[in-house]
C-alpha cells in the first residue's frame, strides 16, 4: 500500500471516528455495534473504527448514495475523480445576489422572536459568538 493509499485509508477512519463521535455526544451510553477494519492488500492493519448502530446506518446510506451516483452517472463520477469541476459564473452571481438581498436585521429579529423567551439570551450569545458583537444600526457610539 502506497503512502497516499495509507493516508486515504486513515482519512476514512478519521471521518468514521468523527461521525461516531458526533452520534455519541447525544447519547454517550450507546455501545458500539460494528467494527470496521481497514487492512493493506497484504493484510497489515491500517486501523479500525467502532461505530454505533446509527453511525453504521448513516455510513451505509452515504456509501449507498455514492455507489448509486457512480452507477447512474459513471462518466461524471470518473471525471469528478480526476478534475475539479468549474463553477458556473452565472450561478455564482445568482448566489451572491441572493445573499446580498438578505436583511440581517430582519433575520436576527426572526431568529430571536422564534426562540423561547428563556432561550433568547443563549441565542443572542450564539449569534454574537458567530458574528461578533454587532450594534443596532441606529445606535449611537457607546450606546451598545
N, C-alpha and C. Protein backbone atom coordinates (compact mmCIF):
# COMPACT_ATOMS: atom_id res chain seq x y z
N UNK A 1 0.86 -1.17 0.00
CA UNK A 1 0.00 0.00 0.00
C UNK A 1 0.90 1.23 0.00
N UNK A 2 0.66 2.12 -0.94
CA UNK A 2 1.48 3.33 -1.03
C UNK A 2 1.16 4.26 0.14
N UNK A 3 2.03 5.24 0.33
CA UNK A 3 1.81 6.23 1.38
C UNK A 3 0.50 6.98 1.14
N UNK A 4 0.21 7.33 -0.13
CA UNK A 4 -1.05 8.01 -0.45
C UNK A 4 -2.26 7.14 -0.12
N UNK A 5 -2.17 5.84 -0.45
CA UNK A 5 -3.27 4.94 -0.16
C UNK A 5 -3.47 4.78 1.35
N UNK A 6 -2.38 4.69 2.08
CA UNK A 6 -2.47 4.58 3.54
C UNK A 6 -3.08 5.86 4.13
N UNK A 7 -2.71 7.01 3.58
CA UNK A 7 -3.27 8.28 4.05
C UNK A 7 -4.76 8.35 3.76
N UNK A 8 -5.19 7.88 2.59
CA UNK A 8 -6.62 7.85 2.26
C UNK A 8 -7.37 6.95 3.24
N UNK A 9 -6.80 5.79 3.52
CA UNK A 9 -7.43 4.86 4.46
C UNK A 9 -7.52 5.50 5.85
N UNK A 10 -6.49 6.18 6.27
CA UNK A 10 -6.52 6.83 7.58
C UNK A 10 -7.53 7.97 7.60
N UNK A 11 -7.64 8.71 6.49
CA UNK A 11 -8.66 9.77 6.41
C UNK A 11 -10.06 9.20 6.54
N UNK A 12 -10.31 8.05 5.92
CA UNK A 12 -11.61 7.39 6.04
C UNK A 12 -11.87 7.01 7.50
N UNK A 13 -10.89 6.44 8.15
CA UNK A 13 -11.05 6.09 9.57
C UNK A 13 -11.29 7.33 10.42
N UNK A 14 -10.56 8.40 10.15
CA UNK A 14 -10.74 9.65 10.90
C UNK A 14 -12.18 10.17 10.76
N UNK A 15 -12.73 10.10 9.55
CA UNK A 15 -14.10 10.57 9.34
C UNK A 15 -15.10 9.66 10.02
N UNK A 16 -14.84 8.37 10.04
CA UNK A 16 -15.72 7.46 10.76
C UNK A 16 -15.70 7.75 12.26
N UNK A 17 -14.52 8.04 12.80
CA UNK A 17 -14.41 8.43 14.21
C UNK A 17 -15.21 9.71 14.47
N UNK A 18 -15.10 10.67 13.56
CA UNK A 18 -15.82 11.94 13.72
C UNK A 18 -17.33 11.72 13.70
N UNK A 19 -17.80 10.91 12.75
CA UNK A 19 -19.22 10.60 12.66
C UNK A 19 -19.70 9.94 13.94
N UNK A 20 -18.98 8.96 14.41
CA UNK A 20 -19.39 8.25 15.61
C UNK A 20 -19.33 9.17 16.82
N UNK A 21 -18.32 10.04 16.88
CA UNK A 21 -18.21 10.97 17.99
C UNK A 21 -19.39 11.92 18.03
N UNK A 22 -19.83 12.40 16.85
CA UNK A 22 -20.99 13.29 16.79
C UNK A 22 -22.24 12.55 17.25
N UNK A 23 -22.33 11.29 16.91
CA UNK A 23 -23.50 10.50 17.28
C UNK A 23 -23.52 10.22 18.79
N UNK A 24 -22.36 9.93 19.36
CA UNK A 24 -22.32 9.57 20.78
C UNK A 24 -22.41 10.79 21.70
N UNK A 25 -22.21 12.01 21.16
CA UNK A 25 -22.39 13.20 22.00
C UNK A 25 -23.82 13.27 22.56
N UNK A 26 -24.79 12.94 21.72
CA UNK A 26 -26.19 12.99 22.14
C UNK A 26 -26.61 11.81 22.97
N UNK A 27 -25.89 10.72 22.87
CA UNK A 27 -26.24 9.50 23.61
C UNK A 27 -24.96 8.77 24.01
N UNK A 28 -24.28 9.25 25.04
CA UNK A 28 -22.98 8.69 25.41
C UNK A 28 -23.03 7.26 25.96
N UNK A 29 -24.21 6.75 26.27
CA UNK A 29 -24.30 5.40 26.83
C UNK A 29 -24.43 4.32 25.76
N UNK A 30 -24.59 4.71 24.51
CA UNK A 30 -24.75 3.69 23.47
C UNK A 30 -23.46 2.91 23.28
N UNK A 31 -23.62 1.68 22.89
CA UNK A 31 -22.46 0.80 22.72
C UNK A 31 -22.18 0.58 21.24
N UNK A 32 -20.93 0.33 20.91
CA UNK A 32 -20.60 0.05 19.51
C UNK A 32 -21.28 -1.22 19.03
N UNK A 33 -21.71 -1.20 17.78
CA UNK A 33 -22.35 -2.38 17.21
C UNK A 33 -21.57 -2.92 16.01
N UNK A 34 -20.68 -2.11 15.48
CA UNK A 34 -19.94 -2.51 14.27
C UNK A 34 -18.47 -2.13 14.43
N UNK A 35 -17.60 -3.05 14.02
CA UNK A 35 -16.16 -2.77 13.98
C UNK A 35 -15.74 -2.81 12.52
N UNK A 36 -15.19 -1.71 12.05
CA UNK A 36 -14.68 -1.64 10.67
C UNK A 36 -13.17 -1.60 10.74
N UNK A 37 -12.55 -2.56 10.07
CA UNK A 37 -11.09 -2.60 10.00
C UNK A 37 -10.67 -2.34 8.56
N UNK A 38 -9.59 -1.59 8.42
CA UNK A 38 -9.00 -1.37 7.10
C UNK A 38 -7.60 -1.97 7.13
N UNK A 39 -7.34 -2.82 6.16
CA UNK A 39 -6.06 -3.51 6.05
C UNK A 39 -5.46 -3.27 4.67
N UNK A 40 -4.15 -3.40 4.59
CA UNK A 40 -3.47 -3.32 3.30
C UNK A 40 -3.80 -4.59 2.52
N UNK A 41 -3.48 -4.59 1.23
CA UNK A 41 -3.74 -5.77 0.41
C UNK A 41 -3.02 -7.01 0.94
N UNK A 42 -1.89 -6.81 1.61
CA UNK A 42 -1.17 -7.96 2.17
C UNK A 42 -1.56 -8.27 3.62
N UNK A 43 -2.61 -7.62 4.12
CA UNK A 43 -3.16 -7.98 5.42
C UNK A 43 -2.70 -7.15 6.61
N UNK A 44 -1.84 -6.16 6.42
CA UNK A 44 -1.39 -5.34 7.55
C UNK A 44 -2.51 -4.38 7.96
N UNK A 45 -2.75 -4.31 9.27
CA UNK A 45 -3.81 -3.45 9.80
C UNK A 45 -3.41 -1.98 9.67
N UNK A 46 -4.28 -1.19 9.03
CA UNK A 46 -4.09 0.26 8.97
C UNK A 46 -4.77 0.89 10.19
N UNK A 47 -5.95 0.39 10.53
CA UNK A 47 -6.67 0.89 11.69
C UNK A 47 -8.08 0.34 11.70
N UNK A 48 -8.80 0.72 12.76
CA UNK A 48 -10.18 0.27 12.87
C UNK A 48 -11.02 1.34 13.54
N UNK A 49 -12.32 1.25 13.33
CA UNK A 49 -13.26 2.18 13.95
C UNK A 49 -14.42 1.37 14.50
N UNK A 50 -14.84 1.72 15.71
CA UNK A 50 -16.03 1.13 16.32
C UNK A 50 -17.17 2.11 16.14
N UNK A 51 -18.29 1.63 15.61
CA UNK A 51 -19.41 2.52 15.30
C UNK A 51 -20.67 2.08 16.03
N UNK A 52 -21.47 3.08 16.42
CA UNK A 52 -22.79 2.80 16.99
C UNK A 52 -23.71 2.34 15.86
N UNK A 53 -24.90 1.90 16.24
CA UNK A 53 -25.87 1.45 15.22
C UNK A 53 -26.22 2.59 14.27
N UNK A 54 -26.46 3.78 14.83
CA UNK A 54 -26.83 4.91 13.97
C UNK A 54 -25.68 5.29 13.04
N UNK A 55 -24.46 5.34 13.56
CA UNK A 55 -23.31 5.68 12.71
C UNK A 55 -23.14 4.64 11.61
N UNK A 56 -23.39 3.37 11.93
CA UNK A 56 -23.31 2.31 10.92
C UNK A 56 -24.36 2.54 9.84
N UNK A 57 -25.59 2.86 10.26
CA UNK A 57 -26.67 3.12 9.29
C UNK A 57 -26.34 4.32 8.41
N UNK A 58 -25.84 5.41 9.01
CA UNK A 58 -25.51 6.62 8.25
C UNK A 58 -24.37 6.35 7.27
N UNK A 59 -23.37 5.59 7.70
CA UNK A 59 -22.26 5.24 6.81
C UNK A 59 -22.76 4.42 5.63
N UNK A 60 -23.65 3.47 5.90
CA UNK A 60 -24.21 2.64 4.84
C UNK A 60 -24.99 3.49 3.84
N UNK A 61 -25.79 4.44 4.35
CA UNK A 61 -26.55 5.31 3.45
C UNK A 61 -25.62 6.17 2.59
N UNK A 62 -24.57 6.69 3.19
CA UNK A 62 -23.63 7.54 2.44
C UNK A 62 -22.93 6.73 1.35
N UNK A 63 -22.46 5.55 1.69
CA UNK A 63 -21.78 4.71 0.71
C UNK A 63 -22.75 4.30 -0.39
N UNK A 64 -23.98 4.00 -0.02
CA UNK A 64 -25.00 3.63 -1.00
C UNK A 64 -25.25 4.77 -1.98
N UNK A 65 -25.31 6.01 -1.46
CA UNK A 65 -25.54 7.17 -2.33
C UNK A 65 -24.39 7.36 -3.31
N UNK A 66 -23.17 7.19 -2.84
CA UNK A 66 -22.00 7.33 -3.73
C UNK A 66 -22.01 6.22 -4.78
N UNK A 67 -22.31 4.98 -4.37
CA UNK A 67 -22.35 3.87 -5.31
C UNK A 67 -23.44 4.08 -6.36
N UNK A 68 -24.61 4.55 -5.92
CA UNK A 68 -25.71 4.81 -6.86
C UNK A 68 -25.30 5.88 -7.88
N UNK A 69 -24.66 6.95 -7.40
CA UNK A 69 -24.19 8.02 -8.29
C UNK A 69 -23.17 7.47 -9.29
N UNK A 70 -22.25 6.65 -8.81
CA UNK A 70 -21.22 6.09 -9.68
C UNK A 70 -21.82 5.19 -10.75
N UNK A 71 -22.90 4.47 -10.40
CA UNK A 71 -23.53 3.58 -11.37
C UNK A 71 -24.42 4.33 -12.36
N UNK A 72 -25.12 5.35 -11.89
CA UNK A 72 -26.04 6.09 -12.75
C UNK A 72 -25.30 7.10 -13.62
N UNK A 73 -24.26 7.71 -13.08
CA UNK A 73 -23.52 8.75 -13.79
C UNK A 73 -22.04 8.39 -13.85
N UNK A 74 -21.68 7.27 -14.48
CA UNK A 74 -20.28 6.84 -14.43
C UNK A 74 -19.29 7.84 -15.02
N UNK A 75 -19.67 8.52 -16.09
CA UNK A 75 -18.74 9.49 -16.68
C UNK A 75 -18.51 10.66 -15.74
N UNK A 76 -19.59 11.16 -15.12
CA UNK A 76 -19.44 12.26 -14.17
C UNK A 76 -18.64 11.82 -12.96
N UNK A 77 -18.90 10.61 -12.48
CA UNK A 77 -18.18 10.10 -11.31
C UNK A 77 -16.68 9.99 -11.62
N UNK A 78 -16.34 9.45 -12.77
CA UNK A 78 -14.93 9.32 -13.15
C UNK A 78 -14.30 10.69 -13.37
N UNK A 79 -15.03 11.60 -14.01
CA UNK A 79 -14.49 12.93 -14.24
C UNK A 79 -14.26 13.64 -12.92
N UNK A 80 -15.16 13.45 -11.96
CA UNK A 80 -15.02 14.09 -10.67
C UNK A 80 -13.82 13.62 -9.89
N UNK A 81 -13.30 12.48 -10.23
CA UNK A 81 -12.14 11.95 -9.52
C UNK A 81 -10.84 12.50 -10.07
N UNK A 82 -10.88 13.05 -11.28
CA UNK A 82 -9.62 13.48 -11.89
C UNK A 82 -9.49 14.99 -12.02
N UNK A 83 -10.61 15.68 -12.12
CA UNK A 83 -10.53 17.13 -12.30
C UNK A 83 -11.50 17.81 -11.36
N UNK A 84 -11.26 19.06 -11.12
CA UNK A 84 -12.17 19.87 -10.32
C UNK A 84 -13.15 20.53 -11.27
N UNK A 85 -14.47 20.31 -11.05
CA UNK A 85 -15.43 20.93 -11.97
C UNK A 85 -15.42 22.45 -11.83
N UNK A 86 -15.66 23.11 -12.94
CA UNK A 86 -15.73 24.57 -12.94
C UNK A 86 -17.12 24.99 -12.48
N UNK A 87 -17.17 26.05 -11.68
CA UNK A 87 -18.45 26.57 -11.24
C UNK A 87 -18.99 27.54 -12.28
N UNK A 88 -20.28 27.47 -12.49
CA UNK A 88 -20.94 28.35 -13.44
C UNK A 88 -20.92 29.78 -12.91
N UNK A 89 -20.31 30.73 -13.62
CA UNK A 89 -20.22 32.10 -13.13
C UNK A 89 -21.59 32.75 -12.93
N UNK A 90 -22.60 32.34 -13.72
CA UNK A 90 -23.94 32.89 -13.55
C UNK A 90 -24.56 32.37 -12.25
N UNK A 91 -24.31 31.11 -11.93
CA UNK A 91 -24.80 30.56 -10.67
C UNK A 91 -24.15 31.27 -9.48
N UNK A 92 -22.86 31.52 -9.57
CA UNK A 92 -22.16 32.24 -8.50
C UNK A 92 -22.77 33.63 -8.34
N UNK A 93 -23.03 34.31 -9.44
CA UNK A 93 -23.63 35.66 -9.38
C UNK A 93 -25.02 35.61 -8.76
N UNK A 94 -25.82 34.59 -9.11
CA UNK A 94 -27.15 34.45 -8.52
C UNK A 94 -27.08 34.23 -7.02
N UNK A 95 -26.15 33.40 -6.58
CA UNK A 95 -25.98 33.14 -5.15
C UNK A 95 -25.54 34.41 -4.43
N UNK A 96 -24.59 35.12 -5.00
CA UNK A 96 -24.14 36.38 -4.39
C UNK A 96 -25.29 37.39 -4.31
N UNK A 97 -26.09 37.48 -5.36
CA UNK A 97 -27.24 38.38 -5.34
C UNK A 97 -28.24 37.98 -4.26
N UNK A 98 -28.48 36.69 -4.14
CA UNK A 98 -29.41 36.21 -3.13
C UNK A 98 -28.96 36.62 -1.73
N UNK A 99 -27.70 36.39 -1.41
CA UNK A 99 -27.22 36.71 -0.07
C UNK A 99 -27.05 38.21 0.13
N UNK A 100 -26.85 38.96 -0.94
CA UNK A 100 -26.78 40.41 -0.80
C UNK A 100 -28.14 40.98 -0.42
N UNK A 101 -29.20 40.29 -0.81
CA UNK A 101 -30.56 40.74 -0.52
C UNK A 101 -31.04 40.33 0.87
N UNK A 102 -30.28 39.52 1.59
CA UNK A 102 -30.70 39.08 2.92
C UNK A 102 -30.60 40.26 3.89
N UNK A 103 -31.68 40.54 4.57
CA UNK A 103 -31.73 41.61 5.56
C UNK A 103 -31.32 41.01 6.91
N UNK A 104 -30.09 41.28 7.35
CA UNK A 104 -29.58 40.67 8.57
C UNK A 104 -30.33 41.12 9.81
N UNK A 105 -30.80 42.38 9.82
CA UNK A 105 -31.61 42.84 10.96
C UNK A 105 -32.89 42.02 11.06
N UNK A 106 -33.57 41.82 9.92
CA UNK A 106 -34.81 41.05 9.91
C UNK A 106 -34.55 39.59 10.27
N UNK A 107 -33.47 39.03 9.73
CA UNK A 107 -33.12 37.64 10.04
C UNK A 107 -32.84 37.46 11.52
N UNK A 108 -32.11 38.39 12.11
CA UNK A 108 -31.82 38.34 13.55
C UNK A 108 -33.10 38.47 14.35
N UNK A 109 -33.96 39.39 13.97
CA UNK A 109 -35.23 39.61 14.66
C UNK A 109 -36.09 38.34 14.60
N UNK A 110 -36.17 37.72 13.42
CA UNK A 110 -36.95 36.49 13.27
C UNK A 110 -36.36 35.36 14.13
N UNK A 111 -35.04 35.27 14.17
CA UNK A 111 -34.39 34.24 14.96
C UNK A 111 -34.69 34.43 16.44
N UNK A 112 -34.55 35.65 16.92
CA UNK A 112 -34.82 35.92 18.33
C UNK A 112 -36.30 35.75 18.67
N UNK A 113 -37.19 36.19 17.78
CA UNK A 113 -38.63 36.04 18.03
C UNK A 113 -39.05 34.57 17.99
N UNK A 114 -38.33 33.76 17.22
CA UNK A 114 -38.64 32.34 17.14
C UNK A 114 -38.14 31.54 18.32
N UNK A 115 -37.22 32.12 19.09
CA UNK A 115 -36.67 31.42 20.25
C UNK A 115 -37.61 31.57 21.44
N UNK A 116 -37.63 30.55 22.27
CA UNK A 116 -38.42 30.64 23.51
C UNK A 116 -37.83 31.75 24.36
N UNK A 117 -38.66 32.49 25.10
CA UNK A 117 -38.15 33.60 25.92
C UNK A 117 -37.00 33.18 26.84
N UNK A 118 -37.07 31.98 27.37
CA UNK A 118 -36.00 31.54 28.27
C UNK A 118 -34.69 31.25 27.54
N UNK A 119 -34.73 31.13 26.22
CA UNK A 119 -33.54 30.80 25.43
C UNK A 119 -33.00 31.99 24.66
N UNK A 120 -33.63 33.14 24.73
CA UNK A 120 -33.22 34.29 23.90
C UNK A 120 -31.81 34.76 24.23
N UNK A 121 -31.43 34.76 25.51
CA UNK A 121 -30.08 35.19 25.86
C UNK A 121 -29.05 34.22 25.28
N UNK A 122 -29.32 32.93 25.33
CA UNK A 122 -28.40 31.94 24.75
C UNK A 122 -28.31 32.11 23.24
N UNK A 123 -29.44 32.40 22.59
CA UNK A 123 -29.45 32.63 21.14
C UNK A 123 -28.66 33.88 20.81
N UNK A 124 -28.85 34.93 21.60
CA UNK A 124 -28.10 36.18 21.39
C UNK A 124 -26.61 35.93 21.52
N UNK A 125 -26.22 35.18 22.54
CA UNK A 125 -24.79 34.86 22.71
C UNK A 125 -24.26 34.03 21.55
N UNK A 126 -25.06 33.10 21.06
CA UNK A 126 -24.63 32.28 19.92
C UNK A 126 -24.44 33.14 18.68
N UNK A 127 -25.36 34.09 18.46
CA UNK A 127 -25.21 35.00 17.31
C UNK A 127 -23.96 35.84 17.47
N UNK A 128 -23.73 36.37 18.69
CA UNK A 128 -22.51 37.16 18.94
C UNK A 128 -21.25 36.32 18.76
N UNK A 129 -21.29 35.06 19.21
CA UNK A 129 -20.13 34.19 19.04
C UNK A 129 -19.83 33.95 17.57
N UNK A 130 -20.90 33.86 16.77
CA UNK A 130 -20.71 33.58 15.35
C UNK A 130 -20.25 34.81 14.58
N UNK A 131 -20.87 35.95 14.87
CA UNK A 131 -20.61 37.14 14.06
C UNK A 131 -19.87 38.24 14.79
N UNK A 132 -19.65 38.09 16.09
CA UNK A 132 -19.09 39.18 16.88
C UNK A 132 -20.21 40.11 17.28
N UNK A 133 -19.95 40.99 18.21
CA UNK A 133 -20.99 41.91 18.66
C UNK A 133 -21.27 42.93 17.56
N UNK A 134 -22.51 42.97 17.13
CA UNK A 134 -22.91 43.90 16.08
C UNK A 134 -23.95 44.83 16.67
N UNK A 135 -23.61 46.10 16.88
CA UNK A 135 -24.59 47.03 17.46
C UNK A 135 -25.75 47.28 16.51
N UNK A 136 -26.85 47.69 17.06
CA UNK A 136 -28.03 48.00 16.26
C UNK A 136 -27.69 49.14 15.30
N UNK A 137 -28.28 49.16 14.13
CA UNK A 137 -27.92 50.10 13.07
C UNK A 137 -28.13 51.57 13.47
N UNK A 138 -29.11 51.83 14.35
CA UNK A 138 -29.35 53.24 14.66
C UNK A 138 -28.82 53.64 16.05
N UNK A 139 -27.98 52.81 16.64
CA UNK A 139 -27.41 53.14 17.95
C UNK A 139 -26.27 54.13 17.80
N UNK A 140 -26.18 55.04 18.72
CA UNK A 140 -25.08 55.99 18.75
C UNK A 140 -23.84 55.30 19.31
N UNK A 141 -22.66 55.81 18.99
CA UNK A 141 -21.43 55.24 19.51
C UNK A 141 -21.49 55.17 21.03
N UNK A 142 -21.10 54.05 21.57
CA UNK A 142 -21.05 53.89 23.01
C UNK A 142 -22.37 53.46 23.64
N UNK A 143 -23.48 53.42 22.88
CA UNK A 143 -24.76 53.02 23.45
C UNK A 143 -24.84 51.52 23.69
N UNK A 144 -24.24 50.74 22.80
CA UNK A 144 -24.33 49.29 22.94
C UNK A 144 -22.98 48.67 23.21
